[in-house]
Amino acid sequence: MIMSEEKEQSIDNEQQTTDNSQNTTDDSQQTTDNGQQTADEANPQDEQPKELTAEEKLEKAEQEIADLNDQLLRKIAEFDNYRKRTIKEKTELILNGGEKTIIAILPVIDDLERALKNIPKDKDVAAEMEGVELIYKKFLDILERQGVKTIKTENEDFNVDLHEAIAQLPAPSDEMKGKILDCTLTGYTMNDKVIRHAQVVVGL
């Protein structure tokens, strides 16, 4: 009889343990279901994006057009400012581009002024000529530093790219045929570009 009661007690304890396990499993399943429900509420997968009304679409399009117009006006203003600045810089370059050259030849003008003052007082013509020749050479040196060079003509072959024939005369010898006999106007190049052709007489 005692064994029967103990056996019944053991069965009851096992049943209670089983029930507790089942309750724990149910609680876990309920927690999982609640978590899944919360996730579904936070990130609904089946919810479709809201369709814009015609008025909302029109308002959105008008806003995009206004933004584009604003960007266009800004670009136009920037380009206009760039154009004005470029024109100003170009104008200043044209007006003041020769400033360095003018500054370089000012000493020559000073020398000429001094020579003009002293010539009436000086009776030595040879000395006056020597002074003028020095000024002339100084002037040519300054021009050469600026890229300006004289075109050679003495005993040179006639070159249509450098020379301009203003007359033709019989050559004194066969060797001078086609060569320059005389130069009536000096020609110049600037940075290897002809800025004035030399006017010459060519032998026939």
N, C-alpha and C. Protein backbone atom coordinates (compact mmCIF):
# COMPACT_ATOMS: atom_id res chain seq x y z
N MET A 1 0.83 -1.20 0.00
CA MET A 1 0.00 0.00 0.00
C MET A 1 0.85 1.24 0.00
N ILE A 2 1.94 1.17 0.77
CA ILE A 2 2.87 2.32 0.84
C ILE A 2 3.54 2.48 -0.48
N MET A 3 3.91 1.40 -1.16
CA MET A 3 4.58 1.46 -2.46
C MET A 3 3.65 2.06 -3.48
N SER A 4 2.39 1.78 -3.40
CA SER A 4 1.43 2.32 -4.36
C SER A 4 1.31 3.81 -4.22
N GLU A 5 1.30 4.28 -2.94
CA GLU A 5 1.19 5.73 -2.71
C GLU A 5 2.43 6.43 -3.22
N GLU A 6 3.62 5.84 -3.00
CA GLU A 6 4.87 6.46 -3.47
C GLU A 6 4.90 6.52 -4.99
N LYS A 7 4.37 5.46 -5.61
CA LYS A 7 4.36 5.41 -7.08
C LYS A 7 3.45 6.48 -7.62
N GLU A 8 2.27 6.63 -6.98
CA GLU A 8 1.34 7.67 -7.42
C GLU A 8 1.94 9.04 -7.25
N GLN A 9 2.69 9.24 -6.13
CA GLN A 9 3.32 10.54 -5.87
C GLN A 9 4.37 10.84 -6.93
N SER A 10 5.13 9.83 -7.36
CA SER A 10 6.17 10.01 -8.38
C SER A 10 5.56 10.38 -9.70
N ILE A 11 4.43 9.72 -10.00
CA ILE A 11 3.74 10.00 -11.28
C ILE A 11 3.24 11.43 -11.28
N ASP A 12 2.70 11.87 -10.10
CA ASP A 12 2.20 13.25 -10.02
C ASP A 12 3.32 14.25 -10.22
N ASN A 13 4.49 13.98 -9.62
CA ASN A 13 5.64 14.90 -9.77
C ASN A 13 6.11 14.98 -11.23
N GLU A 14 6.13 13.82 -11.89
CA GLU A 14 6.55 13.83 -13.30
C GLU A 14 5.57 14.60 -14.14
N GLN A 15 4.26 14.45 -13.83
CA GLN A 15 3.24 15.15 -14.61
C GLN A 15 3.35 16.64 -14.41
N GLN A 16 3.67 17.03 -13.13
CA GLN A 16 3.80 18.46 -12.83
C GLN A 16 5.01 19.04 -13.56
N THR A 17 6.13 18.29 -13.63
CA THR A 17 7.33 18.75 -14.34
C THR A 17 7.04 18.93 -15.82
N THR A 18 6.28 17.93 -16.34
CA THR A 18 5.92 18.02 -17.76
C THR A 18 5.07 19.22 -18.04
N ASP A 19 4.11 19.47 -17.11
CA ASP A 19 3.23 20.63 -17.29
C ASP A 19 4.03 21.92 -17.22
N ASN A 20 4.99 22.00 -16.26
CA ASN A 20 5.81 23.21 -16.15
C ASN A 20 6.63 23.44 -17.41
N SER A 21 7.18 22.35 -17.98
CA SER A 21 7.96 22.48 -19.22
C SER A 21 7.08 22.97 -20.35
N GLN A 22 5.85 22.42 -20.38
CA GLN A 22 4.92 22.84 -21.43
C GLN A 22 4.58 24.31 -21.29
N ASN A 23 4.41 24.73 -19.99
CA ASN A 23 4.09 26.15 -19.76
C ASN A 23 5.25 27.04 -20.20
N THR A 24 6.49 26.59 -19.90
CA THR A 24 7.68 27.37 -20.30
C THR A 24 7.76 27.48 -21.81
N THR A 25 7.48 26.37 -22.49
CA THR A 25 7.51 26.36 -23.96
C THR A 25 6.45 27.28 -24.51
N ASP A 26 5.26 27.24 -23.89
CA ASP A 26 4.18 28.12 -24.35
C ASP A 26 4.54 29.58 -24.15
N ASP A 27 5.19 29.87 -22.98
CA ASP A 27 5.59 31.27 -22.71
C ASP A 27 6.63 31.73 -23.73
N SER A 28 7.58 30.82 -24.05
CA SER A 28 8.61 31.17 -25.04
C SER A 28 7.98 31.42 -26.40
N GLN A 29 7.03 30.52 -26.74
CA GLN A 29 6.36 30.67 -28.04
C GLN A 29 5.57 31.96 -28.09
N GLN A 30 4.95 32.34 -26.95
CA GLN A 30 4.17 33.57 -26.89
C GLN A 30 5.09 34.78 -27.03
N THR A 31 6.27 34.70 -26.35
CA THR A 31 7.24 35.80 -26.46
C THR A 31 7.72 35.96 -27.88
N THR A 32 8.01 34.81 -28.54
CA THR A 32 8.45 34.84 -29.94
C THR A 32 7.39 35.44 -30.83
N ASP A 33 6.11 35.00 -30.58
CA ASP A 33 5.01 35.53 -31.39
C ASP A 33 4.87 37.02 -31.19
N ASN A 34 5.03 37.49 -29.92
CA ASN A 34 4.92 38.94 -29.65
C ASN A 34 6.05 39.70 -30.35
N GLY A 35 7.28 39.10 -30.29
CA GLY A 35 8.42 39.75 -30.95
C GLY A 35 8.21 39.83 -32.44
N GLN A 36 7.70 38.73 -33.03
CA GLN A 36 7.46 38.72 -34.48
C GLN A 36 6.39 39.72 -34.85
N GLN A 37 5.34 39.83 -33.97
CA GLN A 37 4.27 40.78 -34.23
C GLN A 37 4.80 42.21 -34.18
N THR A 38 5.70 42.49 -33.19
CA THR A 38 6.28 43.83 -33.08
C THR A 38 7.14 44.15 -34.30
N ALA A 39 7.95 43.16 -34.76
CA ALA A 39 8.80 43.36 -35.93
C ALA A 39 7.95 43.61 -37.16
N ASP A 40 6.84 42.84 -37.25
CA ASP A 40 5.95 43.05 -38.40
C ASP A 40 5.33 44.42 -38.37
N GLU A 41 5.01 44.90 -37.16
CA GLU A 41 4.43 46.24 -37.06
C GLU A 41 5.45 47.30 -37.40
N ALA A 42 6.75 47.06 -36.99
CA ALA A 42 7.79 48.06 -37.24
C ALA A 42 8.18 48.09 -38.71
N ASN A 43 8.24 46.91 -39.37
CA ASN A 43 8.65 46.83 -40.77
C ASN A 43 7.60 46.09 -41.57
N PRO A 44 6.52 46.71 -41.83
CA PRO A 44 5.46 46.02 -42.59
C PRO A 44 5.94 45.74 -44.01
N GLN A 45 5.85 44.48 -44.41
CA GLN A 45 6.31 44.09 -45.74
C GLN A 45 5.23 44.22 -46.79
N ASP A 46 4.05 44.05 -46.33
CA ASP A 46 2.95 44.05 -47.29
C ASP A 46 2.40 45.45 -47.56
N GLU A 47 2.91 46.48 -46.79
CA GLU A 47 2.36 47.83 -46.95
C GLU A 47 2.91 48.46 -48.23
N GLN A 48 2.12 48.95 -49.12
CA GLN A 48 2.49 49.55 -50.38
C GLN A 48 2.74 51.05 -50.18
N PRO A 49 3.73 51.67 -50.98
CA PRO A 49 3.96 53.12 -50.87
C PRO A 49 2.71 53.90 -51.25
N LYS A 50 2.58 55.01 -50.56
CA LYS A 50 1.39 55.82 -50.77
C LYS A 50 1.42 56.47 -52.14
N GLU A 51 0.36 56.32 -52.88
CA GLU A 51 0.26 56.90 -54.21
C GLU A 51 0.00 58.39 -54.09
N LEU A 52 0.84 59.20 -54.81
CA LEU A 52 0.67 60.65 -54.77
C LEU A 52 -0.55 61.06 -55.57
N THR A 53 -1.21 62.07 -55.06
CA THR A 53 -2.35 62.60 -55.79
C THR A 53 -1.86 63.47 -56.93
N ALA A 54 -2.75 63.83 -57.83
CA ALA A 54 -2.38 64.68 -58.97
C ALA A 54 -1.86 66.03 -58.49
N GLU A 55 -2.49 66.57 -57.44
CA GLU A 55 -2.05 67.86 -56.91
C GLU A 55 -0.64 67.76 -56.33
N GLU A 56 -0.35 66.65 -55.62
CA GLU A 56 0.97 66.46 -55.03
C GLU A 56 2.04 66.29 -56.11
N LYS A 57 1.68 65.52 -57.17
CA LYS A 57 2.62 65.35 -58.28
C LYS A 57 2.91 66.68 -58.95
N LEU A 58 1.89 67.50 -59.15
CA LEU A 58 2.07 68.81 -59.77
C LEU A 58 2.93 69.71 -58.90
N GLU A 59 2.69 69.68 -57.61
CA GLU A 59 3.48 70.51 -56.69
C GLU A 59 4.94 70.08 -56.69
N LYS A 60 5.18 68.76 -56.72
CA LYS A 60 6.55 68.25 -56.75
C LYS A 60 7.26 68.67 -58.03
N ALA A 61 6.55 68.57 -59.16
CA ALA A 61 7.13 68.95 -60.45
C ALA A 61 7.45 70.44 -60.48
N GLU A 62 6.54 71.26 -59.96
CA GLU A 62 6.77 72.71 -59.92
C GLU A 62 7.97 73.05 -59.05
N GLN A 63 8.17 72.32 -57.95
CA GLN A 63 9.32 72.56 -57.08
C GLN A 63 10.63 72.20 -57.80
N GLU A 64 10.62 71.07 -58.52
CA GLU A 64 11.81 70.68 -59.28
C GLU A 64 12.14 71.71 -60.35
N ILE A 65 11.11 72.22 -61.02
CA ILE A 65 11.33 73.25 -62.06
C ILE A 65 11.91 74.52 -61.44
N ALA A 66 11.39 74.90 -60.27
CA ALA A 66 11.90 76.09 -59.60
C ALA A 66 13.36 75.92 -59.20
N ASP A 67 13.72 74.72 -58.72
CA ASP A 67 15.12 74.45 -58.35
C ASP A 67 16.04 74.52 -59.57
N LEU A 68 15.59 73.95 -60.68
CA LEU A 68 16.39 73.98 -61.91
C LEU A 68 16.55 75.40 -62.43
N ASN A 69 15.47 76.19 -62.36
CA ASN A 69 15.55 77.59 -62.79
C ASN A 69 16.53 78.37 -61.93
N ASP A 70 16.53 78.09 -60.63
CA ASP A 70 17.46 78.76 -59.72
C ASP A 70 18.90 78.41 -60.06
N GLN A 71 19.15 77.12 -60.31
CA GLN A 71 20.50 76.70 -60.69
C GLN A 71 20.93 77.34 -62.01
N LEU A 72 20.00 77.42 -62.96
CA LEU A 72 20.32 78.02 -64.26
C LEU A 72 20.66 79.50 -64.11
N LEU A 73 19.89 80.22 -63.31
CA LEU A 73 20.16 81.64 -63.09
C LEU A 73 21.51 81.86 -62.43
N ARG A 74 21.86 80.98 -61.49
CA ARG A 74 23.17 81.08 -60.83
C ARG A 74 24.31 80.87 -61.84
N LYS A 75 24.15 79.85 -62.71
CA LYS A 75 25.18 79.58 -63.71
C LYS A 75 25.32 80.74 -64.69
N ILE A 76 24.19 81.32 -65.08
CA ILE A 76 24.23 82.46 -66.00
C ILE A 76 24.95 83.64 -65.35
N ALA A 77 24.66 83.88 -64.07
CA ALA A 77 25.32 84.99 -63.36
C ALA A 77 26.82 84.74 -63.24
N GLU A 78 27.21 83.50 -62.93
CA GLU A 78 28.63 83.17 -62.82
C GLU A 78 29.35 83.35 -64.16
N PHE A 79 28.71 82.91 -65.25
CA PHE A 79 29.33 83.06 -66.57
C PHE A 79 29.44 84.52 -66.96
N ASP A 80 28.42 85.32 -66.62
CA ASP A 80 28.46 86.75 -66.96
C ASP A 80 29.59 87.44 -66.20
N ASN A 81 29.76 87.08 -64.94
CA ASN A 81 30.86 87.66 -64.17
C ASN A 81 32.21 87.25 -64.74
N TYR A 82 32.34 85.98 -65.17
CA TYR A 82 33.58 85.50 -65.78
C TYR A 82 33.86 86.24 -67.08
N ARG A 83 32.82 86.45 -67.89
CA ARG A 83 32.98 87.15 -69.17
C ARG A 83 33.43 88.59 -68.95
N LYS A 84 32.82 89.27 -68.00
CA LYS A 84 33.21 90.65 -67.72
C LYS A 84 34.64 90.73 -67.20
N ARG A 85 35.02 89.79 -66.33
CA ARG A 85 36.38 89.78 -65.79
C ARG A 85 37.40 89.52 -66.90
N THR A 86 37.06 88.60 -67.82
CA THR A 86 37.97 88.29 -68.92
C THR A 86 38.14 89.49 -69.85
N ILE A 87 37.05 90.17 -70.15
CA ILE A 87 37.12 91.37 -71.01
C ILE A 87 37.97 92.44 -70.35
N LYS A 88 37.80 92.61 -69.05
CA LYS A 88 38.58 93.62 -68.33
C LYS A 88 40.07 93.28 -68.37
N GLU A 89 40.41 92.01 -68.11
CA GLU A 89 41.81 91.60 -68.13
C GLU A 89 42.42 91.76 -69.53
N LYS A 90 41.64 91.43 -70.56
CA LYS A 90 42.14 91.56 -71.92
C LYS A 90 42.35 93.03 -72.27
N THR A 91 41.43 93.89 -71.84
CA THR A 91 41.57 95.31 -72.11
C THR A 91 42.81 95.88 -71.42
N GLU A 92 43.01 95.48 -70.17
CA GLU A 92 44.20 95.95 -69.45
C GLU A 92 45.47 95.45 -70.11
N LEU A 93 45.43 94.21 -70.63
CA LEU A 93 46.61 93.66 -71.30
C LEU A 93 46.93 94.42 -72.58
N ILE A 94 45.87 94.79 -73.33
CA ILE A 94 46.09 95.55 -74.56
C ILE A 94 46.63 96.94 -74.26
N LEU A 95 46.07 97.57 -73.24
CA LEU A 95 46.47 98.95 -72.91
C LEU A 95 47.86 99.00 -72.29
N ASN A 96 48.17 98.01 -71.47
CA ASN A 96 49.43 98.06 -70.71
C ASN A 96 50.41 96.97 -71.11
N GLY A 97 50.13 96.26 -72.22
CA GLY A 97 51.00 95.17 -72.62
C GLY A 97 52.40 95.63 -72.99
N GLY A 98 52.53 96.86 -73.51
CA GLY A 98 53.84 97.38 -73.90
C GLY A 98 54.55 98.14 -72.80
N GLU A 99 54.05 98.03 -71.59
CA GLU A 99 54.62 98.80 -70.47
C GLU A 99 56.10 98.47 -70.26
N LYS A 100 56.43 97.17 -70.28
CA LYS A 100 57.82 96.77 -70.04
C LYS A 100 58.74 97.31 -71.14
N THR A 101 58.24 97.27 -72.38
CA THR A 101 59.06 97.78 -73.50
C THR A 101 59.30 99.27 -73.37
N ILE A 102 58.25 100.00 -73.02
CA ILE A 102 58.39 101.45 -72.86
C ILE A 102 59.37 101.78 -71.74
N ILE A 103 59.26 101.07 -70.63
CA ILE A 103 60.18 101.30 -69.51
C ILE A 103 61.61 101.01 -69.94
N ALA A 104 61.78 99.98 -70.79
CA ALA A 104 63.13 99.60 -71.23
C ALA A 104 63.76 100.66 -72.12
N ILE A 105 62.95 101.37 -72.93
CA ILE A 105 63.54 102.35 -73.86
C ILE A 105 63.61 103.76 -73.26
N LEU A 106 63.10 103.95 -72.08
CA LEU A 106 63.18 105.28 -71.46
C LEU A 106 64.62 105.77 -71.30
N PRO A 107 65.59 104.89 -70.93
CA PRO A 107 66.98 105.37 -70.86
C PRO A 107 67.51 105.90 -72.19
N VAL A 108 67.03 105.34 -73.31
CA VAL A 108 67.44 105.83 -74.62
C VAL A 108 66.93 107.25 -74.83
N ILE A 109 65.69 107.47 -74.43
CA ILE A 109 65.14 108.83 -74.54
C ILE A 109 65.93 109.80 -73.68
N ASP A 110 66.35 109.36 -72.49
CA ASP A 110 67.17 110.22 -71.64
C ASP A 110 68.49 110.57 -72.33
N ASP A 111 69.09 109.58 -72.97
CA ASP A 111 70.35 109.83 -73.68
C ASP A 111 70.15 110.80 -74.84
N LEU A 112 69.06 110.65 -75.57
CA LEU A 112 68.79 111.56 -76.68
C LEU A 112 68.57 112.98 -76.18
N GLU A 113 67.88 113.12 -75.07
CA GLU A 113 67.66 114.46 -74.51
C GLU A 113 68.98 115.12 -74.14
N ARG A 114 69.88 114.35 -73.52
CA ARG A 114 71.18 114.89 -73.16
C ARG A 114 72.00 115.25 -74.40
N ALA A 115 71.90 114.41 -75.44
CA ALA A 115 72.64 114.70 -76.67
C ALA A 115 72.12 115.96 -77.34
N LEU A 116 70.83 116.13 -77.37
CA LEU A 116 70.26 117.33 -77.99
C LEU A 116 70.68 118.61 -77.25
N LYS A 117 70.84 118.50 -75.95
CA LYS A 117 71.27 119.67 -75.17
C LYS A 117 72.74 120.01 -75.41
N ASN A 118 73.55 118.97 -75.63
CA ASN A 118 74.99 119.17 -75.75
C ASN A 118 75.46 119.44 -77.17
N ILE A 119 74.70 119.04 -78.18
CA ILE A 119 75.13 119.21 -79.57
C ILE A 119 75.38 120.68 -79.92
N PRO A 120 74.50 121.61 -79.53
CA PRO A 120 74.78 123.01 -79.89
C PRO A 120 76.06 123.55 -79.26
N LYS A 121 76.45 122.99 -78.13
CA LYS A 121 77.63 123.48 -77.44
C LYS A 121 78.91 122.82 -77.96
N ASP A 122 78.76 121.65 -78.58
CA ASP A 122 79.94 120.88 -78.99
C ASP A 122 80.27 121.19 -80.44
N LYS A 123 81.52 121.56 -80.70
CA LYS A 123 81.97 121.87 -82.05
C LYS A 123 82.59 120.66 -82.75
N ASP A 124 82.74 119.57 -82.00
CA ASP A 124 83.38 118.37 -82.55
C ASP A 124 82.29 117.46 -83.14
N VAL A 125 82.19 117.51 -84.47
CA VAL A 125 81.16 116.71 -85.14
C VAL A 125 81.40 115.21 -84.96
N ALA A 126 82.67 114.81 -84.99
CA ALA A 126 83.00 113.39 -84.84
C ALA A 126 82.54 112.87 -83.48
N ALA A 127 82.72 113.68 -82.46
CA ALA A 127 82.29 113.27 -81.12
C ALA A 127 80.77 113.17 -81.05
N GLU A 128 80.09 114.10 -81.72
CA GLU A 128 78.63 114.06 -81.74
C GLU A 128 78.14 112.79 -82.45
N MET A 129 78.78 112.48 -83.56
CA MET A 129 78.40 111.28 -84.30
C MET A 129 78.64 110.02 -83.47
N GLU A 130 79.73 110.01 -82.78
CA GLU A 130 80.04 108.86 -81.93
C GLU A 130 79.00 108.69 -80.83
N GLY A 131 78.59 109.81 -80.24
CA GLY A 131 77.58 109.76 -79.19
C GLY A 131 76.24 109.26 -79.71
N VAL A 132 75.82 109.74 -80.88
CA VAL A 132 74.56 109.30 -81.47
C VAL A 132 74.63 107.82 -81.83
N GLU A 133 75.78 107.38 -82.33
CA GLU A 133 75.94 105.97 -82.68
C GLU A 133 75.85 105.08 -81.45
N LEU A 134 76.40 105.52 -80.33
CA LEU A 134 76.30 104.75 -79.09
C LEU A 134 74.85 104.64 -78.63
N ILE A 135 74.13 105.75 -78.76
CA ILE A 135 72.70 105.73 -78.38
C ILE A 135 71.93 104.76 -79.28
N TYR A 136 72.23 104.80 -80.57
CA TYR A 136 71.57 103.91 -81.53
C TYR A 136 71.82 102.44 -81.19
N LYS A 137 73.08 102.10 -80.90
CA LYS A 137 73.41 100.72 -80.55
C LYS A 137 72.74 100.30 -79.25
N LYS A 138 72.69 101.23 -78.31
CA LYS A 138 72.01 100.94 -77.04
C LYS A 138 70.54 100.65 -77.27
N PHE A 139 69.95 101.43 -78.16
CA PHE A 139 68.54 101.25 -78.48
C PHE A 139 68.30 99.89 -79.12
N LEU A 140 69.17 99.50 -80.05
CA LEU A 140 69.02 98.20 -80.70
C LEU A 140 69.20 97.05 -79.70
N ASP A 141 70.11 97.20 -78.76
CA ASP A 141 70.31 96.17 -77.73
C ASP A 141 69.05 95.99 -76.88
N ILE A 142 68.44 97.11 -76.54
CA ILE A 142 67.21 97.04 -75.74
C ILE A 142 66.10 96.35 -76.53
N LEU A 143 65.96 96.71 -77.80
CA LEU A 143 64.94 96.07 -78.63
C LEU A 143 65.19 94.58 -78.78
N GLU A 144 66.47 94.21 -78.91
CA GLU A 144 66.81 92.80 -79.06
C GLU A 144 66.44 92.01 -77.81
N ARG A 145 66.60 92.62 -76.65
CA ARG A 145 66.20 91.95 -75.40
C ARG A 145 64.68 91.78 -75.34
N GLN A 146 63.95 92.60 -76.08
CA GLN A 146 62.49 92.48 -76.14
C GLN A 146 62.05 91.55 -77.28
N GLY A 147 63.01 90.93 -77.94
CA GLY A 147 62.69 90.00 -79.02
C GLY A 147 62.67 90.63 -80.39
N VAL A 148 63.05 91.91 -80.51
CA VAL A 148 63.03 92.62 -81.79
C VAL A 148 64.43 92.60 -82.39
N LYS A 149 64.52 92.16 -83.67
CA LYS A 149 65.81 92.10 -84.36
C LYS A 149 65.68 92.72 -85.74
N THR A 150 66.78 93.26 -86.25
CA THR A 150 66.78 93.82 -87.60
C THR A 150 66.95 92.69 -88.61
N ILE A 151 66.35 92.87 -89.78
CA ILE A 151 66.47 91.89 -90.85
C ILE A 151 67.75 92.20 -91.64
N LYS A 152 68.59 91.21 -91.78
CA LYS A 152 69.84 91.42 -92.50
C LYS A 152 69.57 91.57 -94.01
N THR A 153 70.27 92.50 -94.62
CA THR A 153 70.09 92.75 -96.06
C THR A 153 71.41 92.79 -96.83
N GLU A 154 72.50 93.15 -96.20
CA GLU A 154 73.77 93.35 -96.91
C GLU A 154 74.28 92.03 -97.48
N ASN A 155 74.42 92.02 -98.84
CA ASN A 155 74.91 90.84 -99.56
C ASN A 155 74.05 89.58 -99.32
N GLU A 156 72.79 89.80 -98.95
CA GLU A 156 71.88 88.67 -98.72
C GLU A 156 71.07 88.37 -99.98
N ASP A 157 70.71 87.11 -100.16
CA ASP A 157 69.81 86.75 -101.25
C ASP A 157 68.42 87.32 -100.98
N PHE A 158 67.76 87.73 -102.04
CA PHE A 158 66.41 88.27 -101.87
C PHE A 158 65.47 87.18 -101.38
N ASN A 159 64.72 87.48 -100.33
CA ASN A 159 63.78 86.53 -99.72
C ASN A 159 62.43 87.23 -99.58
N VAL A 160 61.46 86.74 -100.32
CA VAL A 160 60.16 87.41 -100.33
C VAL A 160 59.51 87.40 -98.95
N ASP A 161 59.90 86.44 -98.10
CA ASP A 161 59.32 86.39 -96.75
C ASP A 161 59.88 87.47 -95.83
N LEU A 162 61.06 88.00 -96.18
CA LEU A 162 61.71 88.99 -95.33
C LEU A 162 61.85 90.35 -95.99
N HIS A 163 61.93 90.34 -97.33
CA HIS A 163 62.25 91.57 -98.05
C HIS A 163 61.12 91.99 -98.98
N GLU A 164 61.10 93.28 -99.23
CA GLU A 164 60.15 93.85 -100.20
C GLU A 164 60.96 94.61 -101.25
N ALA A 165 60.92 94.12 -102.49
CA ALA A 165 61.70 94.74 -103.57
C ALA A 165 60.96 95.98 -104.08
N ILE A 166 61.60 97.13 -103.96
CA ILE A 166 61.00 98.37 -104.45
C ILE A 166 61.64 98.79 -105.78
N ALA A 167 62.75 98.14 -106.13
CA ALA A 167 63.41 98.46 -107.41
C ALA A 167 64.35 97.33 -107.79
N GLN A 168 64.65 97.28 -109.09
CA GLN A 168 65.61 96.30 -109.60
C GLN A 168 66.63 97.03 -110.49
N LEU A 169 67.88 96.76 -110.25
CA LEU A 169 68.95 97.40 -111.02
C LEU A 169 69.89 96.33 -111.56
N PRO A 170 70.59 96.66 -112.67
CA PRO A 170 71.56 95.70 -113.21
C PRO A 170 72.63 95.39 -112.16
N ALA A 171 72.90 94.12 -111.97
CA ALA A 171 73.89 93.70 -110.98
C ALA A 171 75.29 94.02 -111.48
N PRO A 172 76.17 94.51 -110.61
CA PRO A 172 77.54 94.82 -111.03
C PRO A 172 78.34 93.58 -111.42
N SER A 173 77.90 92.41 -110.98
CA SER A 173 78.57 91.16 -111.33
C SER A 173 77.55 90.04 -111.30
N ASP A 174 77.94 88.91 -111.91
CA ASP A 174 77.03 87.77 -111.94
C ASP A 174 76.72 87.26 -110.53
N GLU A 175 77.66 87.41 -109.65
CA GLU A 175 77.46 86.93 -108.28
C GLU A 175 76.38 87.73 -107.55
N MET A 176 76.14 88.98 -107.96
CA MET A 176 75.17 89.84 -107.26
C MET A 176 73.77 89.73 -107.87
N LYS A 177 73.63 88.92 -108.91
CA LYS A 177 72.29 88.75 -109.47
C LYS A 177 71.39 88.03 -108.47
N GLY A 178 70.22 88.60 -108.23
CA GLY A 178 69.28 88.04 -107.26
C GLY A 178 69.61 88.40 -105.82
N LYS A 179 70.67 89.15 -105.64
CA LYS A 179 71.04 89.58 -104.28
C LYS A 179 70.61 91.02 -104.05
N ILE A 180 70.64 91.43 -102.80
CA ILE A 180 70.22 92.78 -102.42
C ILE A 180 71.39 93.74 -102.62
N LEU A 181 71.13 94.78 -103.41
CA LEU A 181 72.16 95.79 -103.67
C LEU A 181 72.12 96.92 -102.65
N ASP A 182 70.93 97.24 -102.18
CA ASP A 182 70.80 98.36 -101.25
C ASP A 182 69.53 98.19 -100.42
N CYS A 183 69.53 98.75 -99.22
CA CYS A 183 68.35 98.72 -98.33
C CYS A 183 67.91 100.16 -98.08
N THR A 184 66.68 100.45 -98.45
CA THR A 184 66.16 101.80 -98.26
C THR A 184 65.36 101.96 -96.97
N LEU A 185 64.91 100.84 -96.39
CA LEU A 185 64.16 100.88 -95.13
C LEU A 185 64.42 99.59 -94.37
N THR A 186 64.93 99.74 -93.15
CA THR A 186 65.27 98.56 -92.35
C THR A 186 64.02 97.80 -91.94
N GLY A 187 64.09 96.47 -92.04
CA GLY A 187 62.99 95.62 -91.60
C GLY A 187 63.27 95.01 -90.23
N TYR A 188 62.21 94.57 -89.55
CA TYR A 188 62.36 94.04 -88.19
C TYR A 188 61.49 92.79 -88.01
N THR A 189 62.00 91.90 -87.16
CA THR A 189 61.21 90.75 -86.72
C THR A 189 61.06 90.83 -85.20
N MET A 190 59.96 90.25 -84.72
CA MET A 190 59.74 90.18 -83.27
C MET A 190 59.41 88.74 -82.92
N ASN A 191 60.29 88.13 -82.15
CA ASN A 191 60.14 86.71 -81.82
C ASN A 191 60.00 85.87 -83.09
N ASP A 192 60.88 86.18 -84.06
CA ASP A 192 60.96 85.47 -85.35
C ASP A 192 59.75 85.71 -86.25
N LYS A 193 58.91 86.67 -85.92
CA LYS A 193 57.79 87.03 -86.78
C LYS A 193 58.08 88.39 -87.41
N VAL A 194 57.91 88.48 -88.72
CA VAL A 194 58.19 89.73 -89.42
C VAL A 194 57.13 90.77 -89.05
N ILE A 195 57.58 91.88 -88.48
CA ILE A 195 56.65 92.96 -88.17
C ILE A 195 56.79 94.12 -89.15
N ARG A 196 57.91 94.14 -89.91
CA ARG A 196 58.05 95.07 -91.02
C ARG A 196 59.09 94.52 -91.99
N HIS A 197 58.69 94.38 -93.25
CA HIS A 197 59.61 93.89 -94.27
C HIS A 197 60.65 94.96 -94.60
N ALA A 198 61.84 94.48 -94.91
CA ALA A 198 62.89 95.41 -95.34
C ALA A 198 62.67 95.78 -96.80
N GLN A 199 62.70 97.07 -97.07
CA GLN A 199 62.55 97.54 -98.45
C GLN A 199 63.94 97.61 -99.09
N VAL A 200 64.10 96.88 -100.22
CA VAL A 200 65.44 96.71 -100.79
C VAL A 200 65.43 96.91 -102.30
N VAL A 201 66.64 97.07 -102.82
CA VAL A 201 66.89 97.10 -104.27
C VAL A 201 67.59 95.81 -104.64
N VAL A 202 67.07 95.13 -105.66
CA VAL A 202 67.58 93.80 -106.02
C VAL A 202 68.32 93.87 -107.35
N GLY A 203 69.41 93.14 -107.45
CA GLY A 203 70.20 93.12 -108.68
C GLY A 203 69.63 92.16 -109.70
N LEU A 204 69.67 92.58 -110.95
CA LEU A 204 69.19 91.75 -112.07
C LEU A 204 70.33 91.01 -112.71
